[in-house]
Amino acid sequence: MTQQAEPDAMPVGAEADTAPEESARAPKRVMHADGFGAAYCASMAGLCAEAVIGGTIAVLVMLAREHDGLPHNVAVIVAVVLGIALLAVLVSGFITGVAVMPALALARRVARRTGRAERLRWYLGAVPVVSAAVVAAFGGVAALGSLAFAPALSYVLWWASLTVGLLPATLLAAVAGRRVRAGRAKGLVRRVARDGALAWLAIGVLGAGAYGTGLVKVYEPPQLHASDLAGRWTDGHGGTVELNEDGRAVADGLDNYVWDETGKDRPKDCDGTGSWKAVKQDGRIEGVALQFKTCELSRSWNLGGTQKTPRIYHEIGKPGSGKRYVLTKVVERKK
């Protein structure tokens, strides 16, 4: 009895012979990672490390300089640190998107156009170009908002600072992208975070050692008595005020900053006689209160400077602008 083959049946040998032909005809789709995600993460990690290290150095330097004081409440300190950390992550992502990745793309494009391999010099040349474009764009927007251009030196300083800050992040992003394309994608971001943390700890230990041993001293406002405030104070530009021991004050060309119709703080000369008194907190003099009815000046001045060269000042301009009107006491040198 003969066995009949089914119509759809196919010999085993024929299936083996035709399989390679069918697989050869099927298009092979191979995914090549471009390393964009790894480069972005590496840049953010590098910028965050720069921010943490730079912020720590700034705090250490600020402690030795005149400042308004640091918060003592633990909850406030924790909240400020967390807020700054979140802000650093957000800003690092923004800077990576608008500056680092364009610099990376520009370097790669120039390398392809010239037919050469990607080298360190391409990234070193791309970062200053992108930094100049970013400063020009944001400087133009700021000029439109204020209807005035900043001094040329300001743009140069911003360009130089941005270039220095972007170089490490751009090089890290380039290395991360290259490692992904080469199939070695792991470990770079983790190493950046580890090395950044070690550098931060080293700087913190050095700073704590410098302040702990007394090599550098934390700034403290001068400790003055009410009698020490009496005397002549000058702004260095012709404006003076004489504080007498009986509480009288005589102003000559003292600047009284008032808001004008354009919303800006403009100086206005104040002349005449008024009064003054020391402002105390917890038994310690923290400043001076001056009042002149002739020019409608009534303001409290904070105490700063050093024991040998005390200063009084108050903030001018918009709140948080950092601008101050400062008076320095004229110290008569004994002959």
Foldseek 3Di string as FASTA:
>chain_A
DDDDDDPPDDDPVVCVVCVVVVVVVDDDDDDFDQLPVQLLLLLLLLQLLVVLQVVVVVVLVVQQPWDPDDDPDPVVVVVVVVVVSVVSSVVSNVCCVQALVVLLVQLVVVCVVVVHDRDLVSSLVSRLVSLLVVLVVVQVVVCVVVVHHDDPVVSVVSSVVSSVSNSVSNVSSVVQSVCSSVVNNPDSSVVSNVVSVVSSVVVVVVSCVCPVVVVGDGDDFAFDDFVVPAAKKDLVPFWIWGQHPVFKIFTDQHWDWDQDPVRFTDTDGDGDMWGKDFDDDPRTGQWMWTADPVVGDTDTWGWGDYNVKIKTWDDGTDPPPPDIRIIIGDDDDDD
